[in-house]
Amino acid sequence: MAREAGLVRRGILWLLLLGPFFFLSYGLANTYTEGREDIGSLVFAWERQVPLWPWTIIPYWSIDLLYGLSFLLPRSRSEMDRHALALLTAQLICVAGFLLWPLRFTFERPELSGLFGWLFDVLMGFDKPYNQAPSLHIALLVIIWTMFARHTRHPVWRWVVHGWMGLIGLSVLATWQHHFIDVPTGALAGFICLWLWPHSGPLPWRQARLAQDPKRWRLTLRYGLGAAVLGLLAVKIGGGGLWLLWPALSLLLVALNYALFGAAGFQKGADGRLSVAATWLLAPYLLCAWVNSRLWTWRHPQADEVADGVYLGRVPGRTEASAFAAIVDLSAELPCLAVPHQNIAGQARSHNAVCPAMKALKTPQDYQSLPTLDLIAPDREILQQAAKAIEHRHQQGPVLVCCALGYSRSASAVAAWLLLSGRCASAEQAEALIRQARPGVVLHPAHRLALHHLEAQP
């Protein structure tokens, strides 16, 4: 992608806004919290074993330089603005956390000399030990790390980026600046900001619409109750039980997707991958969803041919995908990792060649993602798009139409293709043909209603 003109000036303007705001808001929160009497602390016993490594003050301080350099990387105004807004949102979330739940760092750092001691002295000139969770340092690191990783192509430099960013993350503990609870909460704040301001695609909160389907509200209630139970257990157990807050948050976001954001809330891209933010925020749910899909299909993992080289099955792994020339994927919640990454494929095309490793991989080069919510019938527009995608691709070779299990969403898409292509005269005939090929198919009244609407259209 060619870089838009005027981005350097735009980046400087953002820095002129964000820099003073950072020091003003952070400094005022420090000053206010220092005078409060309700400051607590949350420290695990094992943290007494965390060593003080003075040299880690170097990576700790380096985030200030990387903060500025990150504004040189965006390729478009939209990417630049969303990066800046994510950083601004992180600042607001963390400062709000400092004011609402003030915590204090409890370890006494010994006197240090030399360069490292001087850097610590400068840091403590404006960074008091009162504002802890969520760690603003970690929240900003997550956003900056994602930006550098996205724009670093060479494998060696990618290792350098990940290694140095990892050191920055380690430094918040090794410099005795933060307790452990500050790290996961800071990472959570960073990923929420990235989810709110994805580098491309629609903004999730602008897509928010109250669900009209009663089934979506029933699923919202189920996932919401699961989130509440896990959250209460985490607070009740305390200590290591606080990790239950991660799956609780994951289920809460799924509930919000069913109630408000729809399939777009999973942020599944055209390359079949979920965004970094959605992957981390939803990781516990995604793991359970993947295990569930494999448990339900372990007796029948293979796809089934319905007609003319069009197959119906589950989201494939790399081995399963090798038999197909194209994939039409209707799952929103599961990534399709069998498809080469969009960036890699783009680089191969730009060089008019594909490396031997890519040829040996034998994965489909043609992929269409049409994300739909699990257990919810796709709407007519999605079914029409799926039918067109299948019709266009099946002439190139075998096409896999898939969802988590390959029994409902993908089955309705294949039925729509059979109807709109004239291969079947009615929705009932299409369903019968699909059941003949894949007996376990489950089409609910909502799926049949959507198909009858397609059948009735001129």
Protein backbone atom coordinates (compact mmCIF):
# COMPACT_ATOMS: atom_id res chain seq x y z
CA MET A 1 0.00 0.00 0.00
CA ALA A 2 1.42 3.38 -1.04
CA ARG A 3 1.92 5.83 1.80
CA GLU A 4 -0.42 8.82 1.77
CA ALA A 5 1.12 12.28 1.56
CA GLY A 6 1.22 14.60 4.57
CA LEU A 7 1.37 11.90 7.23
CA VAL A 8 4.55 13.17 8.90
CA ARG A 9 2.95 16.53 9.59
CA ARG A 10 -0.21 14.82 10.79
CA GLY A 11 1.83 12.63 13.13
CA ILE A 12 3.62 15.66 14.58
CA LEU A 13 0.28 17.36 15.22
CA TRP A 14 -0.97 14.29 17.06
CA LEU A 15 2.20 14.20 19.17
CA LEU A 16 1.81 17.88 20.02
CA LEU A 17 -1.65 17.04 21.34
CA LEU A 18 -0.94 13.72 23.04
CA GLY A 19 2.38 14.64 24.66
CA PRO A 20 1.13 17.52 26.84
CA PHE A 21 -2.09 15.64 27.59
CA PHE A 22 -0.07 12.66 28.83
CA PHE A 23 2.04 14.67 31.27
CA LEU A 24 -0.88 16.83 32.40
CA SER A 25 -3.38 14.01 33.08
CA TYR A 26 -0.80 11.61 34.52
CA GLY A 27 0.75 14.33 36.70
CA LEU A 28 -2.57 15.55 38.04
CA ALA A 29 -3.68 11.99 38.85
CA ASN A 30 -0.37 11.43 40.68
CA THR A 31 -0.71 14.62 42.67
CA TYR A 32 -4.33 13.98 43.59
CA THR A 33 -3.76 10.34 44.57
CA GLU A 34 -0.72 11.22 46.70
CA GLY A 35 -2.96 13.18 49.05
CA ARG A 36 -5.61 10.49 49.46
CA GLU A 37 -5.99 8.24 52.50
CA ASP A 38 -7.85 5.37 50.79
CA ILE A 39 -4.89 4.04 48.78
CA GLY A 40 -4.64 0.26 48.91
CA SER A 41 -2.32 -2.35 47.41
CA LEU A 42 -2.70 -5.74 45.76
CA VAL A 43 0.47 -7.83 45.99
CA PHE A 44 0.98 -11.57 45.59
CA ALA A 45 3.39 -13.27 47.98
CA TRP A 46 5.58 -14.60 45.16
CA GLU A 47 6.32 -11.04 43.98
CA ARG A 48 8.87 -10.77 46.81
CA GLN A 49 11.05 -13.04 44.67
CA VAL A 50 11.03 -10.67 41.66
CA PRO A 51 14.59 -9.37 41.29
CA LEU A 52 15.51 -5.73 40.78
CA TRP A 53 17.47 -5.44 37.51
CA PRO A 54 18.61 -1.82 37.23
CA TRP A 55 19.61 -2.22 33.57
CA THR A 56 15.96 -2.77 32.60
CA ILE A 57 15.40 0.95 33.12
CA ILE A 58 16.79 1.29 29.57
CA PRO A 59 13.97 -0.67 27.87
CA TYR A 60 11.54 0.90 30.35
CA TRP A 61 12.47 4.40 29.18
CA SER A 62 12.66 3.37 25.51
CA ILE A 63 8.88 3.28 25.19
CA ASP A 64 8.97 7.10 25.07
CA LEU A 65 11.10 6.98 21.91
CA LEU A 66 9.02 4.19 20.38
CA TYR A 67 5.86 6.15 21.17
CA GLY A 68 7.05 8.94 18.89
CA LEU A 69 8.50 6.66 16.21
CA SER A 70 5.23 4.74 15.97
CA PHE A 71 3.71 7.77 14.23
CA LEU A 72 6.11 7.29 11.32
CA LEU A 73 4.67 3.87 10.47
CA PRO A 74 1.01 4.35 9.44
CA ARG A 75 0.36 4.25 5.70
CA SER A 76 -2.91 6.19 5.71
CA ARG A 77 -4.65 8.99 7.58
CA SER A 78 -7.21 6.54 8.88
CA GLU A 79 -4.54 4.25 10.33
CA MET A 80 -2.71 7.25 11.81
CA ASP A 81 -5.83 8.69 13.44
CA ARG A 82 -6.97 5.36 14.85
CA HIS A 83 -3.52 4.72 16.31
CA ALA A 84 -3.55 8.12 17.99
CA LEU A 85 -7.09 7.67 19.25
CA ALA A 86 -6.20 4.26 20.68
CA LEU A 87 -3.30 5.85 22.60
CA LEU A 88 -5.57 8.64 23.80
CA THR A 89 -8.25 6.16 24.90
CA ALA A 90 -5.64 4.14 26.81
CA GLN A 91 -4.63 7.30 28.65
CA LEU A 92 -8.24 8.04 29.60
CA ILE A 93 -8.99 4.45 30.73
CA CYS A 94 -5.85 4.15 32.85
CA VAL A 95 -6.13 7.56 34.48
CA ALA A 96 -9.77 6.79 35.29
CA GLY A 97 -8.60 3.53 36.88
CA PHE A 98 -6.00 5.39 38.95
CA LEU A 99 -8.68 7.73 40.29
CA LEU A 100 -11.38 5.12 40.92
CA TRP A 101 -9.19 2.34 42.35
CA PRO A 102 -5.97 3.91 43.64
CA LEU A 103 -3.21 1.42 44.42
CA ARG A 104 0.30 1.90 45.75
CA PHE A 105 3.55 0.13 44.90
CA THR A 106 4.85 -1.26 48.20
CA PHE A 107 8.50 -2.26 47.62
CA GLU A 108 11.27 0.10 48.70
CA ARG A 109 13.87 0.36 45.94
CA PRO A 110 17.46 0.67 47.22
CA GLU A 111 19.63 3.62 46.26
CA LEU A 112 21.21 3.16 42.81
CA SER A 113 24.22 4.94 41.33
CA GLY A 114 25.66 5.54 37.89
CA LEU A 115 23.65 5.91 34.68
CA PHE A 116 20.91 3.56 35.82
CA GLY A 117 20.56 5.39 39.13
CA TRP A 118 20.31 8.73 37.32
CA LEU A 119 17.59 7.38 35.00
CA PHE A 120 15.64 6.15 38.02
CA ASP A 121 15.99 9.55 39.70
CA VAL A 122 14.67 11.34 36.61
CA LEU A 123 11.78 8.90 36.39
CA MET A 124 10.80 9.36 40.02
CA GLY A 125 10.76 13.10 39.51
CA PHE A 126 7.30 12.80 37.96
CA ASP A 127 6.27 9.12 38.39
CA LYS A 128 5.09 8.52 41.94
CA PRO A 129 4.31 4.98 43.26
CA TYR A 130 0.55 5.57 43.54
CA ASN A 131 -0.89 4.95 40.09
CA GLN A 132 -0.65 1.26 39.38
CA ALA A 133 -3.53 -0.69 37.84
CA PRO A 134 -4.10 -0.74 34.98
CA SER A 135 -0.50 -0.05 34.00
CA LEU A 136 -0.48 2.76 31.46
CA HIS A 137 3.00 1.61 30.45
CA ILE A 138 1.67 -1.80 29.47
CA ALA A 139 -1.46 -0.42 27.79
CA LEU A 140 0.64 1.87 25.58
CA LEU A 141 3.10 -0.98 24.94
CA VAL A 142 0.32 -3.22 23.58
CA ILE A 143 -0.78 -0.52 21.11
CA ILE A 144 2.75 0.42 20.02
CA TRP A 145 3.88 -3.22 19.80
CA THR A 146 0.96 -4.05 17.50
CA MET A 147 1.80 -1.10 15.25
CA PHE A 148 5.48 -2.07 14.90
CA ALA A 149 4.66 -5.76 14.38
CA ARG A 150 2.19 -4.93 11.62
CA HIS A 151 4.73 -2.88 9.68
CA THR A 152 7.84 -5.02 10.23
CA ARG A 153 8.20 -7.55 7.43
CA HIS A 154 11.71 -8.99 7.59
CA PRO A 155 11.84 -12.04 9.92
CA VAL A 156 15.03 -10.90 11.66
CA TRP A 157 13.64 -7.46 12.41
CA ARG A 158 10.39 -8.98 13.59
CA TRP A 159 12.34 -11.02 16.14
CA VAL A 160 14.14 -7.84 17.21
CA VAL A 161 10.83 -5.99 17.60
CA HIS A 162 9.20 -8.77 19.60
CA GLY A 163 12.30 -9.27 21.74
CA TRP A 164 12.66 -5.60 22.64
CA MET A 165 8.94 -5.11 23.25
CA GLY A 166 9.01 -8.17 25.49
CA LEU A 167 11.85 -6.59 27.46
CA ILE A 168 9.78 -3.44 27.93
CA GLY A 169 6.96 -5.56 29.29
CA LEU A 170 9.37 -7.33 31.67
CA SER A 171 10.89 -4.03 32.77
CA VAL A 172 7.77 -2.81 34.57
CA LEU A 173 8.35 -5.60 37.11
CA ALA A 174 12.16 -5.76 37.03
CA THR A 175 12.49 -2.02 37.76
CA TRP A 176 10.11 -2.37 40.71
CA GLN A 177 7.70 0.10 39.19
CA HIS A 178 4.61 -2.11 39.18
CA HIS A 179 3.07 -5.07 40.94
CA PHE A 180 1.90 -8.01 38.84
CA ILE A 181 -1.81 -7.10 38.89
CA ASP A 182 -0.95 -3.97 36.94
CA VAL A 183 0.38 -5.97 33.97
CA PRO A 184 -2.68 -8.03 32.87
CA THR A 185 -5.02 -5.12 33.62
CA GLY A 186 -2.82 -2.82 31.55
CA ALA A 187 -2.76 -5.34 28.70
CA LEU A 188 -6.55 -5.59 28.93
CA ALA A 189 -6.85 -1.81 28.62
CA GLY A 190 -4.54 -1.83 25.59
CA PHE A 191 -6.47 -4.58 23.79
CA ILE A 192 -9.79 -2.86 24.50
CA CYS A 193 -8.40 0.27 22.86
CA LEU A 194 -7.22 -1.71 19.83
CA TRP A 195 -10.65 -3.36 19.59
CA LEU A 196 -12.37 0.02 19.75
CA TRP A 197 -10.00 1.50 17.16
CA PRO A 198 -8.99 -1.30 14.73
CA HIS A 199 -6.35 -0.23 12.21
CA SER A 200 -8.71 -1.01 9.31
CA GLY A 201 -12.30 -1.96 8.70
CA PRO A 202 -15.44 -0.65 10.40
CA LEU A 203 -15.39 0.67 13.93
CA PRO A 204 -17.32 -1.81 16.11
CA TRP A 205 -19.16 0.79 18.15
CA ARG A 206 -20.42 2.46 14.96
CA GLN A 207 -21.89 -0.87 13.85
CA ALA A 208 -23.79 -1.30 17.12
CA ARG A 209 -27.48 -2.06 16.62
CA LEU A 210 -29.86 -3.58 19.15
CA ALA A 211 -30.65 -7.12 18.07
CA GLN A 212 -34.19 -7.73 16.81
CA ASP A 213 -33.99 -11.52 16.83
CA PRO A 214 -35.30 -13.02 20.13
CA LYS A 215 -32.82 -15.90 19.79
CA ARG A 216 -29.92 -13.44 19.84
CA TRP A 217 -31.25 -12.05 23.12
CA ARG A 218 -31.55 -15.54 24.60
CA LEU A 219 -27.93 -16.21 23.70
CA THR A 220 -26.98 -12.80 25.09
CA LEU A 221 -28.56 -13.78 28.40
CA ARG A 222 -26.74 -17.13 28.48
CA TYR A 223 -23.33 -15.66 27.77
CA GLY A 224 -24.02 -12.75 30.13
CA LEU A 225 -24.92 -15.13 32.96
CA GLY A 226 -21.77 -17.12 32.30
CA ALA A 227 -19.72 -13.94 32.49
CA ALA A 228 -21.42 -12.94 35.76
CA VAL A 229 -20.84 -16.34 37.38
CA LEU A 230 -17.16 -16.40 36.44
CA GLY A 231 -16.71 -12.82 37.58
CA LEU A 232 -18.27 -13.52 40.97
CA LEU A 233 -16.14 -16.65 41.37
CA ALA A 234 -13.00 -14.66 40.57
CA VAL A 235 -13.78 -12.07 43.23
CA LYS A 236 -14.83 -14.72 45.76
CA ILE A 237 -11.75 -16.91 45.30
CA GLY A 238 -9.24 -14.07 44.94
CA GLY A 239 -5.54 -14.71 44.38
CA GLY A 240 -5.01 -16.98 41.39
CA GLY A 241 -8.78 -17.15 40.97
CA LEU A 242 -8.66 -13.63 39.56
CA TRP A 243 -7.60 -15.22 36.26
CA LEU A 244 -11.26 -16.21 35.91
CA LEU A 245 -11.89 -12.57 35.07
CA TRP A 246 -10.35 -13.26 31.64
CA PRO A 247 -12.95 -15.85 30.53
CA ALA A 248 -15.61 -13.69 32.23
CA LEU A 249 -14.62 -10.73 30.07
CA SER A 250 -14.46 -13.00 27.03
CA LEU A 251 -18.05 -14.19 27.57
CA LEU A 252 -19.18 -10.63 28.25
CA LEU A 253 -17.81 -9.49 24.89
CA VAL A 254 -19.52 -12.43 23.16
CA ALA A 255 -22.79 -11.42 24.86
CA LEU A 256 -22.34 -7.86 23.61
CA ASN A 257 -21.71 -9.17 20.11
CA TYR A 258 -25.03 -11.00 20.15
CA ALA A 259 -26.87 -8.02 21.65
CA LEU A 260 -25.23 -5.10 19.82
CA PHE A 261 -22.22 -5.56 17.58
CA GLY A 262 -23.15 -8.67 15.61
CA ALA A 263 -20.56 -10.69 13.73
CA ALA A 264 -18.44 -7.55 13.24
CA GLY A 265 -17.58 -7.65 16.96
CA PHE A 266 -15.36 -10.68 16.34
CA GLN A 267 -13.32 -8.58 13.88
CA LYS A 268 -12.65 -11.40 11.44
CA GLY A 269 -10.79 -10.02 8.44
CA ALA A 270 -10.77 -10.87 4.76
CA ASP A 271 -7.74 -13.11 5.37
CA GLY A 272 -9.71 -15.33 7.76
CA ARG A 273 -7.95 -14.10 10.90
CA LEU A 274 -9.41 -12.29 13.85
CA SER A 275 -7.79 -9.02 14.87
CA VAL A 276 -5.04 -9.15 17.49
CA ALA A 277 -7.33 -7.41 19.97
CA ALA A 278 -10.27 -9.77 19.42
CA THR A 279 -7.97 -12.79 19.58
CA TRP A 280 -6.60 -11.85 23.00
CA LEU A 281 -9.84 -10.54 24.47
CA LEU A 282 -11.79 -13.61 23.31
CA ALA A 283 -9.01 -16.20 23.74
CA PRO A 284 -10.77 -18.34 26.42
CA TYR A 285 -14.00 -18.40 24.42
CA LEU A 286 -12.18 -19.06 21.14
CA LEU A 287 -10.35 -22.02 22.65
CA CYS A 288 -13.62 -23.51 23.91
CA ALA A 289 -15.33 -22.85 20.56
CA TRP A 290 -12.53 -24.61 18.66
CA VAL A 291 -12.55 -27.61 21.03
CA ASN A 292 -16.34 -27.78 20.77
CA SER A 293 -16.18 -27.80 16.96
CA ARG A 294 -13.67 -30.65 17.00
CA LEU A 295 -15.61 -32.69 19.57
CA TRP A 296 -18.85 -32.42 17.60
CA THR A 297 -17.17 -33.43 14.34
CA TRP A 298 -14.49 -35.89 15.47
CA ARG A 299 -16.48 -38.86 14.18
CA HIS A 300 -17.00 -37.15 10.83
CA PRO A 301 -14.19 -34.63 10.27
CA GLN A 302 -14.23 -34.76 6.47
CA ALA A 303 -16.26 -32.47 4.23
CA ASP A 304 -19.02 -33.91 2.05
CA GLU A 305 -19.63 -33.12 -1.62
CA VAL A 306 -23.13 -31.79 -2.24
CA ALA A 307 -23.00 -31.09 -5.99
CA ASP A 308 -20.60 -30.07 -8.77
CA GLY A 309 -17.47 -29.95 -6.62
CA VAL A 310 -19.06 -27.93 -3.80
CA TYR A 311 -18.31 -29.45 -0.38
CA LEU A 312 -19.84 -28.80 3.01
CA GLY A 313 -17.76 -29.09 6.18
CA ARG A 314 -16.18 -27.54 9.25
CA VAL A 315 -13.53 -24.80 9.33
CA PRO A 316 -10.52 -26.71 8.04
CA GLY A 317 -7.00 -27.17 9.29
CA ARG A 318 -4.08 -26.97 6.87
CA THR A 319 -4.23 -30.65 5.97
CA GLU A 320 -7.97 -30.60 5.34
CA ALA A 321 -7.76 -27.42 3.26
CA SER A 322 -5.20 -28.86 0.86
CA ALA A 323 -7.93 -30.65 -1.11
CA PHE A 324 -9.73 -27.43 -2.07
CA ALA A 325 -9.09 -24.65 -4.55
CA ALA A 326 -11.26 -22.18 -2.63
CA ILE A 327 -13.00 -21.71 0.71
CA VAL A 328 -16.21 -19.81 1.52
CA ASP A 329 -16.26 -19.35 5.29
CA LEU A 330 -19.36 -18.29 7.25
CA SER A 331 -17.98 -18.57 10.79
CA ALA A 332 -17.39 -15.35 12.69
CA GLU A 333 -15.87 -16.82 15.85
CA LEU A 334 -13.21 -19.18 14.46
CA PRO A 335 -10.16 -18.09 12.44
CA CYS A 336 -9.40 -19.95 9.23
CA LEU A 337 -5.65 -20.40 9.58
CA ALA A 338 -5.40 -22.74 6.58
CA VAL A 339 -5.26 -19.78 4.19
CA PRO A 340 -1.91 -18.05 3.55
CA HIS A 341 -1.69 -14.71 5.29
CA GLN A 342 -2.86 -11.85 3.10
CA ASN A 343 0.44 -10.01 3.38
CA ILE A 344 2.47 -13.07 2.40
CA ALA A 345 0.25 -13.79 -0.56
CA GLY A 346 0.44 -10.16 -1.63
CA GLN A 347 4.23 -10.19 -1.51
CA ALA A 348 4.31 -13.36 -3.58
CA ARG A 349 2.08 -11.82 -6.23
CA SER A 350 4.15 -8.65 -6.32
CA HIS A 351 7.22 -10.71 -7.18
CA ASN A 352 5.29 -12.76 -9.76
CA ALA A 353 6.37 -15.91 -7.97
CA VAL A 354 5.48 -18.10 -5.06
CA CYS A 355 8.25 -19.47 -2.88
CA PRO A 356 8.74 -23.28 -2.78
CA ALA A 357 7.39 -23.40 0.78
CA MET A 358 4.14 -21.81 -0.35
CA LYS A 359 3.81 -24.27 -3.24
CA ALA A 360 4.46 -27.21 -0.96
CA LEU A 361 1.84 -25.95 1.49
CA LYS A 362 -0.93 -26.46 -1.10
CA THR A 363 -3.43 -24.28 0.70
CA PRO A 364 -6.29 -22.52 -1.10
CA GLN A 365 -5.33 -19.18 -2.60
CA ASP A 366 -8.99 -18.11 -3.00
CA TYR A 367 -10.81 -17.34 0.23
CA GLN A 368 -14.07 -15.55 0.96
CA SER A 369 -15.07 -14.63 4.50
CA LEU A 370 -18.76 -13.93 5.22
CA PRO A 371 -18.88 -13.87 9.05
CA THR A 372 -22.18 -14.77 10.70
CA LEU A 373 -23.04 -15.42 14.34
CA ASP A 374 -23.09 -18.99 15.60
CA LEU A 375 -26.58 -20.50 16.11
CA ILE A 376 -28.15 -17.59 14.18
CA ALA A 377 -29.48 -18.01 10.65
CA PRO A 378 -27.64 -15.88 8.06
CA ASP A 379 -29.76 -13.08 6.61
CA ARG A 380 -30.81 -12.94 2.98
CA GLU A 381 -27.99 -10.61 1.96
CA ILE A 382 -25.33 -12.94 3.37
CA LEU A 383 -26.95 -15.94 1.68
CA GLN A 384 -26.98 -14.12 -1.65
CA GLN A 385 -23.32 -13.18 -1.29
CA ALA A 386 -22.44 -16.75 -0.35
CA ALA A 387 -24.33 -18.15 -3.33
CA LYS A 388 -22.51 -15.80 -5.71
CA ALA A 389 -19.15 -16.62 -4.15
CA ILE A 390 -19.76 -20.37 -4.50
CA GLU A 391 -20.98 -20.08 -8.09
CA HIS A 392 -17.97 -17.96 -9.05
CA ARG A 393 -15.41 -20.27 -7.44
CA HIS A 394 -16.68 -23.79 -8.03
CA GLN A 395 -15.57 -23.64 -11.67
CA GLN A 396 -11.95 -23.22 -10.52
CA GLY A 397 -11.93 -26.50 -8.61
CA PRO A 398 -13.34 -28.01 -5.41
CA VAL A 399 -14.88 -25.41 -3.09
CA LEU A 400 -15.34 -25.90 0.65
CA VAL A 401 -18.25 -24.05 2.24
CA CYS A 402 -17.67 -24.10 5.98
CA CYS A 403 -18.62 -22.86 9.43
CA ALA A 404 -17.69 -24.12 12.90
CA LEU A 405 -19.33 -27.52 12.42
CA GLY A 406 -20.48 -27.48 8.80
CA TYR A 407 -24.09 -28.26 9.73
CA SER A 408 -26.13 -25.02 9.84
CA ARG A 409 -24.75 -21.69 8.60
CA SER A 410 -22.71 -23.24 5.81
CA ALA A 411 -25.56 -25.63 4.96
CA SER A 412 -27.97 -22.73 4.47
CA ALA A 413 -25.37 -21.05 2.23
CA VAL A 414 -25.08 -24.14 0.04
CA ALA A 415 -28.87 -24.38 -0.08
CA ALA A 416 -29.02 -20.75 -1.22
CA TRP A 417 -26.51 -21.56 -3.98
CA LEU A 418 -28.56 -24.56 -5.10
CA LEU A 419 -31.66 -22.36 -5.28
CA LEU A 420 -30.22 -19.27 -6.95
CA SER A 421 -28.17 -21.26 -9.46
CA GLY A 422 -31.27 -23.19 -10.54
CA ARG A 423 -29.92 -26.56 -9.44
CA CYS A 424 -32.89 -26.99 -7.13
CA ALA A 425 -36.41 -25.74 -7.68
CA SER A 426 -37.36 -25.30 -4.03
CA ALA A 427 -35.87 -24.86 -0.57
CA GLU A 428 -37.17 -28.30 0.41
CA GLN A 429 -35.45 -29.91 -2.57
CA ALA A 430 -32.19 -28.14 -1.73
CA GLU A 431 -32.38 -29.27 1.90
CA ALA A 432 -33.09 -32.85 0.86
CA LEU A 433 -30.08 -32.89 -1.46
CA ILE A 434 -27.83 -31.51 1.29
CA ARG A 435 -29.12 -34.04 3.83
CA GLN A 436 -28.43 -36.84 1.40
CA ALA A 437 -24.79 -35.75 1.26
CA ARG A 438 -24.43 -34.75 4.94
CA PRO A 439 -27.15 -36.33 7.13
CA GLY A 440 -26.25 -34.40 10.29
CA VAL A 441 -27.29 -31.04 8.83
CA VAL A 442 -29.44 -28.93 11.18
CA LEU A 443 -31.64 -26.28 9.56
CA HIS A 444 -33.97 -24.50 11.99
CA PRO A 445 -37.17 -22.66 11.02
CA ALA A 446 -35.21 -19.41 10.77
CA HIS A 447 -32.86 -20.96 8.18
CA ARG A 448 -35.81 -22.29 6.19
CA LEU A 449 -37.59 -18.93 6.35
CA ALA A 450 -34.54 -17.15 4.93
CA LEU A 451 -34.32 -19.70 2.13
CA HIS A 452 -38.03 -19.34 1.33
CA HIS A 453 -37.50 -15.56 1.05
CA LEU A 454 -34.76 -16.24 -1.50
CA GLU A 455 -37.02 -18.68 -3.31
CA ALA A 456 -39.82 -16.11 -3.51
CA GLN A 457 -37.70 -13.26 -4.85
CA PRO A 458 -38.00 -12.58 -8.61
